[in-house]
Amino acid sequence: MVDLIALLREAAPTLLTGASYTLLFAVASMMGGLAIGVPVALMRIAPWAVVRLPASLYVSLMRGTPLLVQIFVIYYGLPSVGIEFTPVTAGVLALSLNAGAYLSESLRGAIRAVSEGQWRASFSLGLGYWQTLHHIIMPQALRIAVPSMSNTLISLIKDTSLVSVITMTELMLATKEVIAVTFQPLPLYIAAACIYWALSLFFEAIQRRAERRLNRAHVTR
């Protein structure tokens, strides 16, 4: 037990540094995913097939292929055609593109969940398509989409472990580096799992708080 405590105390700075990078990359990828997912969701519900088709193709491609393969294509494959990225850029880009597909579906489903009567009522008041979407539909859709969007962020925290394969420094790579020195894989992998769990619990708490705030206006008094 004393040896275990000493091992964890020795590994803590490296693991916590890796965890901070994991958190940073996950948040950056979530922001990138939102920047991609929102316009893709709007394209997916557009009344014009020429707009819906490329968005549907993108979502199908990102959801239908493994994230690890996407990382390899971006970091190892694109240099063959003259496009090179640093490990950090490649990792965040791959995570953002993957998250964008899932976030777009969350938003699209939330928009579809708003009753058709909301659209008709808005049109009857003289608002156009984009005005209705911006002022009436999206505020309600965002409230509905919060749980699934939070799930995507929590998944991103865990998915950052995959970018260790391109030598991007985060929690899993930091854990492997400590294991290479200490030769104690079991306690260190368990410690890394506990850190991932703690990060997930933190964002679950933020999700519940956000849901309560967004639902206040909809509570029946």
C-alpha atoms as a PDB file:
ATOM      1  CA  MET A   1       0.000   0.000   0.000  1.00  0.00           C
ATOM      2  CA  VAL A   2       2.843   2.361   0.856  1.00  0.00           C
ATOM      3  CA  ASP A   3       4.486   1.592  -2.483  1.00  0.00           C
ATOM      4  CA  LEU A   4       1.192   2.245  -4.306  1.00  0.00           C
ATOM      5  CA  ILE A   5       0.727   5.620  -2.637  1.00  0.00           C
ATOM      6  CA  ALA A   6       4.310   6.549  -3.435  1.00  0.00           C
ATOM      7  CA  LEU A   7       3.817   5.493  -7.074  1.00  0.00           C
ATOM      8  CA  LEU A   8       0.650   7.574  -7.456  1.00  0.00           C
ATOM      9  CA  ARG A   9       2.259  10.557  -5.763  1.00  0.00           C
ATOM     10  CA  GLU A  10       5.200  10.319  -8.149  1.00  0.00           C
ATOM     11  CA  ALA A  11       2.939   9.940 -11.203  1.00  0.00           C
ATOM     12  CA  ALA A  12       0.399  12.605 -10.183  1.00  0.00           C
ATOM     13  CA  PRO A  13       2.111  15.667 -11.768  1.00  0.00           C
ATOM     14  CA  THR A  14       2.467  13.935 -15.133  1.00  0.00           C
ATOM     15  CA  LEU A  15      -1.064  12.518 -15.064  1.00  0.00           C
ATOM     16  CA  LEU A  16      -2.617  15.834 -14.028  1.00  0.00           C
ATOM     17  CA  THR A  17      -0.705  17.652 -16.758  1.00  0.00           C
ATOM     18  CA  GLY A  18      -2.028  15.126 -19.261  1.00  0.00           C
ATOM     19  CA  ALA A  19      -5.534  15.579 -17.854  1.00  0.00           C
ATOM     20  CA  SER A  20      -5.308  19.349 -18.323  1.00  0.00           C
ATOM     21  CA  TYR A  21      -4.390  18.833 -21.975  1.00  0.00           C
ATOM     22  CA  THR A  22      -7.236  16.338 -22.337  1.00  0.00           C
ATOM     23  CA  LEU A  23      -9.680  18.899 -20.986  1.00  0.00           C
ATOM     24  CA  LEU A  24      -8.292  21.648 -23.212  1.00  0.00           C
ATOM     25  CA  PHE A  25      -8.440  19.496 -26.347  1.00  0.00           C
ATOM     26  CA  ALA A  26     -11.967  18.280 -25.539  1.00  0.00           C
ATOM     27  CA  VAL A  27     -13.308  21.821 -25.057  1.00  0.00           C
ATOM     28  CA  ALA A  28     -11.506  23.070 -28.188  1.00  0.00           C
ATOM     29  CA  SER A  29     -12.939  20.164 -30.182  1.00  0.00           C
ATOM     30  CA  MET A  30     -16.406  20.824 -28.786  1.00  0.00           C
ATOM     31  CA  MET A  31     -16.193  24.453 -29.920  1.00  0.00           C
ATOM     32  CA  GLY A  32     -14.965  23.324 -33.328  1.00  0.00           C
ATOM     33  CA  GLY A  33     -17.706  20.704 -33.459  1.00  0.00           C
ATOM     34  CA  LEU A  34     -20.356  23.333 -32.705  1.00  0.00           C
ATOM     35  CA  ALA A  35     -18.931  25.627 -35.384  1.00  0.00           C
ATOM     36  CA  ILE A  36     -19.369  22.759 -37.842  1.00  0.00           C
ATOM     37  CA  GLY A  37     -22.501  21.135 -36.419  1.00  0.00           C
ATOM     38  CA  VAL A  38     -24.785  24.176 -36.330  1.00  0.00           C
ATOM     39  CA  PRO A  39     -24.515  25.061 -40.042  1.00  0.00           C
ATOM     40  CA  VAL A  40     -24.623  21.364 -40.999  1.00  0.00           C
ATOM     41  CA  ALA A  41     -27.823  20.908 -38.972  1.00  0.00           C
ATOM     42  CA  LEU A  42     -29.368  23.917 -40.712  1.00  0.00           C
ATOM     43  CA  MET A  43     -28.304  22.518 -44.084  1.00  0.00           C
ATOM     44  CA  ARG A  44     -29.870  19.151 -43.183  1.00  0.00           C
ATOM     45  CA  ILE A  45     -33.283  20.734 -42.556  1.00  0.00           C
ATOM     46  CA  ALA A  46     -33.127  23.157 -45.486  1.00  0.00           C
ATOM     47  CA  PRO A  47     -35.953  22.814 -48.006  1.00  0.00           C
ATOM     48  CA  TRP A  48     -33.464  22.576 -50.889  1.00  0.00           C
ATOM     49  CA  ALA A  49     -32.033  19.190 -51.837  1.00  0.00           C
ATOM     50  CA  VAL A  50     -28.829  20.701 -53.250  1.00  0.00           C
ATOM     51  CA  VAL A  51     -28.057  22.023 -49.750  1.00  0.00           C
ATOM     52  CA  ARG A  52     -29.120  18.895 -47.865  1.00  0.00           C
ATOM     53  CA  LEU A  53     -27.087  16.429 -49.947  1.00  0.00           C
ATOM     54  CA  PRO A  54     -23.498  17.489 -49.040  1.00  0.00           C
ATOM     55  CA  ALA A  55     -24.479  17.836 -45.378  1.00  0.00           C
ATOM     56  CA  SER A  56     -26.014  14.355 -45.364  1.00  0.00           C
ATOM     57  CA  LEU A  57     -22.914  12.933 -47.061  1.00  0.00           C
ATOM     58  CA  TYR A  58     -20.637  14.530 -44.465  1.00  0.00           C
ATOM     59  CA  VAL A  59     -22.700  13.208 -41.538  1.00  0.00           C
ATOM     60  CA  SER A  60     -22.860   9.724 -43.052  1.00  0.00           C
ATOM     61  CA  LEU A  61     -19.089   9.667 -43.645  1.00  0.00           C
ATOM     62  CA  MET A  62     -18.143  10.876 -40.164  1.00  0.00           C
ATOM     63  CA  ARG A  63     -20.598   8.603 -38.366  1.00  0.00           C
ATOM     64  CA  GLY A  64     -19.910   5.608 -40.585  1.00  0.00           C
ATOM     65  CA  THR A  65     -16.133   5.455 -40.203  1.00  0.00           C
ATOM     66  CA  PRO A  66     -14.075   4.937 -37.015  1.00  0.00           C
ATOM     67  CA  LEU A  67     -12.609   8.035 -35.385  1.00  0.00           C
ATOM     68  CA  LEU A  68      -9.203   6.325 -35.296  1.00  0.00           C
ATOM     69  CA  VAL A  69      -9.267   5.939 -39.088  1.00  0.00           C
ATOM     70  CA  GLN A  70     -10.207   9.607 -39.449  1.00  0.00           C
ATOM     71  CA  ILE A  71      -7.234  10.594 -37.279  1.00  0.00           C
ATOM     72  CA  PHE A  72      -4.897   8.451 -39.399  1.00  0.00           C
ATOM     73  CA  VAL A  73      -6.250   9.910 -42.651  1.00  0.00           C
ATOM     74  CA  ILE A  74      -5.760  13.490 -41.459  1.00  0.00           C
ATOM     75  CA  TYR A  75      -2.330  13.047 -39.850  1.00  0.00           C
ATOM     76  CA  TYR A  76      -0.705  10.308 -41.926  1.00  0.00           C
ATOM     77  CA  GLY A  77      -2.714  10.360 -45.162  1.00  0.00           C
ATOM     78  CA  LEU A  78      -3.050  14.034 -46.086  1.00  0.00           C
ATOM     79  CA  PRO A  79       0.733  14.707 -46.134  1.00  0.00           C
ATOM     80  CA  SER A  80       0.889  12.479 -49.221  1.00  0.00           C
ATOM     81  CA  VAL A  81      -1.090  15.160 -51.085  1.00  0.00           C
ATOM     82  CA  GLY A  82       0.854  18.041 -49.583  1.00  0.00           C
ATOM     83  CA  ILE A  83      -1.358  18.844 -46.594  1.00  0.00           C
ATOM     84  CA  GLU A  84       0.437  18.534 -43.253  1.00  0.00           C
ATOM     85  CA  PHE A  85      -0.709  19.232 -39.706  1.00  0.00           C
ATOM     86  CA  THR A  86       0.988  19.193 -36.336  1.00  0.00           C
ATOM     87  CA  PRO A  87      -0.230  16.445 -33.977  1.00  0.00           C
ATOM     88  CA  VAL A  88      -2.280  18.950 -31.959  1.00  0.00           C
ATOM     89  CA  THR A  89      -3.920  20.474 -35.031  1.00  0.00           C
ATOM     90  CA  ALA A  90      -4.611  17.072 -36.582  1.00  0.00           C
ATOM     91  CA  GLY A  91      -6.064  15.728 -33.341  1.00  0.00           C
ATOM     92  CA  VAL A  92      -8.338  18.695 -32.682  1.00  0.00           C
ATOM     93  CA  LEU A  93      -9.414  18.793 -36.340  1.00  0.00           C
ATOM     94  CA  ALA A  94     -10.314  15.094 -36.368  1.00  0.00           C
ATOM     95  CA  LEU A  95     -12.219  15.348 -33.090  1.00  0.00           C
ATOM     96  CA  SER A  96     -14.019  18.501 -34.266  1.00  0.00           C
ATOM     97  CA  LEU A  97     -15.080  16.966 -37.580  1.00  0.00           C
ATOM     98  CA  ASN A  98     -16.304  13.828 -35.826  1.00  0.00           C
ATOM     99  CA  ALA A  99     -18.129  15.729 -33.094  1.00  0.00           C
ATOM    100  CA  GLY A 100     -19.642  18.104 -35.651  1.00  0.00           C
ATOM    101  CA  ALA A 101     -21.490  15.234 -37.304  1.00  0.00           C
ATOM    102  CA  TYR A 102     -23.007  14.036 -34.028  1.00  0.00           C
ATOM    103  CA  LEU A 103     -23.808  17.551 -32.822  1.00  0.00           C
ATOM    104  CA  SER A 104     -25.528  18.347 -36.103  1.00  0.00           C
ATOM    105  CA  GLU A 105     -27.798  15.337 -35.650  1.00  0.00           C
ATOM    106  CA  SER A 106     -28.559  16.344 -32.064  1.00  0.00           C
ATOM    107  CA  LEU A 107     -29.515  19.833 -33.212  1.00  0.00           C
ATOM    108  CA  ARG A 108     -31.468  18.572 -36.199  1.00  0.00           C
ATOM    109  CA  GLY A 109     -33.468  16.225 -33.998  1.00  0.00           C
ATOM    110  CA  ALA A 110     -34.107  19.027 -31.504  1.00  0.00           C
ATOM    111  CA  ILE A 111     -35.294  21.367 -34.252  1.00  0.00           C
ATOM    112  CA  ARG A 112     -37.602  18.668 -35.589  1.00  0.00           C
ATOM    113  CA  ALA A 113     -38.940  18.174 -32.056  1.00  0.00           C
ATOM    114  CA  VAL A 114     -40.339  21.715 -32.020  1.00  0.00           C
ATOM    115  CA  SER A 115     -43.964  21.459 -33.110  1.00  0.00           C
ATOM    116  CA  GLU A 116     -44.911  22.332 -36.661  1.00  0.00           C
ATOM    117  CA  GLY A 117     -47.458  24.765 -35.256  1.00  0.00           C
ATOM    118  CA  GLN A 118     -44.610  27.007 -34.103  1.00  0.00           C
ATOM    119  CA  TRP A 119     -43.512  27.424 -37.705  1.00  0.00           C
ATOM    120  CA  ARG A 120     -47.030  28.068 -38.966  1.00  0.00           C
ATOM    121  CA  ALA A 121     -47.779  30.584 -36.211  1.00  0.00           C
ATOM    122  CA  SER A 122     -44.565  32.437 -36.949  1.00  0.00           C
ATOM    123  CA  PHE A 123     -45.246  32.522 -40.689  1.00  0.00           C
ATOM    124  CA  SER A 124     -48.744  33.810 -40.004  1.00  0.00           C
ATOM    125  CA  LEU A 125     -47.192  36.748 -38.137  1.00  0.00           C
ATOM    126  CA  GLY A 126     -45.169  37.655 -41.202  1.00  0.00           C
ATOM    127  CA  LEU A 127     -41.797  36.245 -40.177  1.00  0.00           C
ATOM    128  CA  GLY A 128     -39.678  34.595 -42.855  1.00  0.00           C
ATOM    129  CA  TYR A 129     -37.980  31.187 -42.735  1.00  0.00           C
ATOM    130  CA  TRP A 130     -34.673  32.375 -41.275  1.00  0.00           C
ATOM    131  CA  GLN A 131     -36.339  34.806 -38.851  1.00  0.00           C
ATOM    132  CA  THR A 132     -38.539  31.992 -37.558  1.00  0.00           C
ATOM    133  CA  LEU A 133     -35.577  29.704 -37.216  1.00  0.00           C
ATOM    134  CA  HIS A 134     -33.484  32.279 -35.356  1.00  0.00           C
ATOM    135  CA  HIS A 135     -36.065  33.828 -33.050  1.00  0.00           C
ATOM    136  CA  ILE A 136     -38.597  31.050 -32.468  1.00  0.00           C
ATOM    137  CA  ILE A 137     -37.245  27.589 -33.241  1.00  0.00           C
ATOM    138  CA  MET A 138     -33.563  27.643 -32.239  1.00  0.00           C
ATOM    139  CA  PRO A 139     -34.060  28.883 -28.650  1.00  0.00           C
ATOM    140  CA  GLN A 140     -36.466  25.991 -28.023  1.00  0.00           C
ATOM    141  CA  ALA A 141     -34.299  23.491 -29.902  1.00  0.00           C
ATOM    142  CA  LEU A 142     -31.187  24.353 -27.902  1.00  0.00           C
ATOM    143  CA  ARG A 143     -33.019  23.577 -24.669  1.00  0.00           C
ATOM    144  CA  ILE A 144     -34.016  20.194 -26.043  1.00  0.00           C
ATOM    145  CA  ALA A 145     -30.533  19.471 -27.401  1.00  0.00           C
ATOM    146  CA  VAL A 146     -28.584  20.174 -24.200  1.00  0.00           C
ATOM    147  CA  PRO A 147     -28.543  16.552 -22.890  1.00  0.00           C
ATOM    148  CA  SER A 148     -27.363  14.992 -26.152  1.00  0.00           C
ATOM    149  CA  MET A 149     -24.832  17.777 -26.765  1.00  0.00           C
ATOM    150  CA  SER A 150     -23.452  17.239 -23.256  1.00  0.00           C
ATOM    151  CA  ASN A 151     -23.133  13.537 -24.016  1.00  0.00           C
ATOM    152  CA  THR A 152     -21.030  14.436 -27.038  1.00  0.00           C
ATOM    153  CA  LEU A 153     -18.692  16.528 -24.874  1.00  0.00           C
ATOM    154  CA  ILE A 154     -18.324  13.686 -22.384  1.00  0.00           C
ATOM    155  CA  SER A 155     -17.586  11.313 -25.261  1.00  0.00           C
ATOM    156  CA  LEU A 156     -14.982  13.765 -26.556  1.00  0.00           C
ATOM    157  CA  ILE A 157     -13.160  13.636 -23.226  1.00  0.00           C
ATOM    158  CA  LYS A 158     -12.822   9.878 -23.618  1.00  0.00           C
ATOM    159  CA  ASP A 159     -12.121  10.033 -27.359  1.00  0.00           C
ATOM    160  CA  THR A 160      -9.072  12.232 -26.788  1.00  0.00           C
ATOM    161  CA  SER A 161      -7.321   9.034 -25.688  1.00  0.00           C
ATOM    162  CA  LEU A 162      -7.247   7.982 -29.350  1.00  0.00           C
ATOM    163  CA  VAL A 163      -5.055  10.893 -30.401  1.00  0.00           C
ATOM    164  CA  SER A 164      -2.203   9.447 -28.350  1.00  0.00           C
ATOM    165  CA  VAL A 165      -1.486   7.311 -31.433  1.00  0.00           C
ATOM    166  CA  ILE A 166      -0.185  10.431 -33.211  1.00  0.00           C
ATOM    167  CA  THR A 167       1.996  11.403 -30.224  1.00  0.00           C
ATOM    168  CA  MET A 168      -0.377  14.141 -29.127  1.00  0.00           C
ATOM    169  CA  THR A 169       0.231  14.779 -25.432  1.00  0.00           C
ATOM    170  CA  GLU A 170      -2.863  14.067 -23.331  1.00  0.00           C
ATOM    171  CA  LEU A 171      -3.825  11.879 -20.385  1.00  0.00           C
ATOM    172  CA  MET A 172      -3.409   8.482 -22.064  1.00  0.00           C
ATOM    173  CA  LEU A 173      -0.012   9.277 -23.561  1.00  0.00           C
ATOM    174  CA  ALA A 174       1.116  10.724 -20.230  1.00  0.00           C
ATOM    175  CA  THR A 175       0.014   7.514 -18.520  1.00  0.00           C
ATOM    176  CA  LYS A 176       1.938   5.391 -21.007  1.00  0.00           C
ATOM    177  CA  GLU A 177       5.060   7.488 -20.436  1.00  0.00           C
ATOM    178  CA  VAL A 178       4.872   6.931 -16.681  1.00  0.00           C
ATOM    179  CA  ILE A 179       4.263   3.208 -17.172  1.00  0.00           C
ATOM    180  CA  ALA A 180       7.360   2.999 -19.386  1.00  0.00           C
ATOM    181  CA  VAL A 181       9.419   4.243 -16.443  1.00  0.00           C
ATOM    182  CA  THR A 182       7.703   2.532 -13.497  1.00  0.00           C
ATOM    183  CA  PHE A 183       6.538  -0.732 -15.132  1.00  0.00           C
ATOM    184  CA  GLN A 184       3.296  -0.547 -13.096  1.00  0.00           C
ATOM    185  CA  PRO A 185       0.479  -0.588 -15.675  1.00  0.00           C
ATOM    186  CA  LEU A 186      -2.493  -1.688 -13.557  1.00  0.00           C
ATOM    187  CA  PRO A 187      -2.544   1.049 -10.879  1.00  0.00           C
ATOM    188  CA  LEU A 188      -1.648   3.751 -13.379  1.00  0.00           C
ATOM    189  CA  TYR A 189      -4.322   2.767 -15.900  1.00  0.00           C
ATOM    190  CA  ILE A 190      -6.846   2.642 -13.058  1.00  0.00           C
ATOM    191  CA  ALA A 191      -5.706   6.111 -11.959  1.00  0.00           C
ATOM    192  CA  ALA A 192      -6.154   7.391 -15.527  1.00  0.00           C
ATOM    193  CA  ALA A 193      -9.638   5.834 -15.659  1.00  0.00           C
ATOM    194  CA  CYS A 194     -10.547   7.588 -12.413  1.00  0.00           C
ATOM    195  CA  ILE A 195      -9.401  10.931 -13.846  1.00  0.00           C
ATOM    196  CA  TYR A 196     -11.515  10.401 -16.977  1.00  0.00           C
ATOM    197  CA  TRP A 197     -14.447   9.526 -14.721  1.00  0.00           C
ATOM    198  CA  ALA A 198     -13.933  12.644 -12.599  1.00  0.00           C
ATOM    199  CA  LEU A 199     -13.886  14.843 -15.710  1.00  0.00           C
ATOM    200  CA  SER A 200     -17.077  13.178 -16.940  1.00  0.00           C
ATOM    201  CA  LEU A 201     -18.784  13.731 -13.577  1.00  0.00           C
ATOM    202  CA  PHE A 202     -17.767  17.387 -13.679  1.00  0.00           C
ATOM    203  CA  PHE A 203     -19.407  17.924 -17.065  1.00  0.00           C
ATOM    204  CA  GLU A 204     -22.459  15.919 -16.041  1.00  0.00           C
ATOM    205  CA  ALA A 205     -22.906  18.387 -13.172  1.00  0.00           C
ATOM    206  CA  ILE A 206     -22.612  21.302 -15.615  1.00  0.00           C
ATOM    207  CA  GLN A 207     -25.182  19.603 -17.861  1.00  0.00           C
ATOM    208  CA  ARG A 208     -27.693  19.264 -15.013  1.00  0.00           C
ATOM    209  CA  ARG A 209     -27.193  22.903 -14.046  1.00  0.00           C
ATOM    210  CA  ALA A 210     -27.670  24.057 -17.645  1.00  0.00           C
ATOM    211  CA  GLU A 211     -30.833  21.968 -17.973  1.00  0.00           C
ATOM    212  CA  ARG A 212     -32.307  23.457 -14.795  1.00  0.00           C
ATOM    213  CA  ARG A 213     -31.620  27.003 -15.966  1.00  0.00           C
ATOM    214  CA  LEU A 214     -33.058  26.414 -19.432  1.00  0.00           C
ATOM    215  CA  ASN A 215     -36.135  24.659 -18.048  1.00  0.00           C
ATOM    216  CA  ARG A 216     -37.080  27.391 -15.590  1.00  0.00           C
ATOM    217  CA  ALA A 217     -39.166  29.241 -18.149  1.00  0.00           C
ATOM    218  CA  HIS A 218     -41.030  26.025 -18.931  1.00  0.00           C
ATOM    219  CA  VAL A 219     -41.928  24.994 -15.386  1.00  0.00           C
ATOM    220  CA  THR A 220     -45.636  25.057 -14.762  1.00  0.00           C
ATOM    221  CA  ARG A 221     -46.444  27.311 -11.819  1.00  0.00           C
END
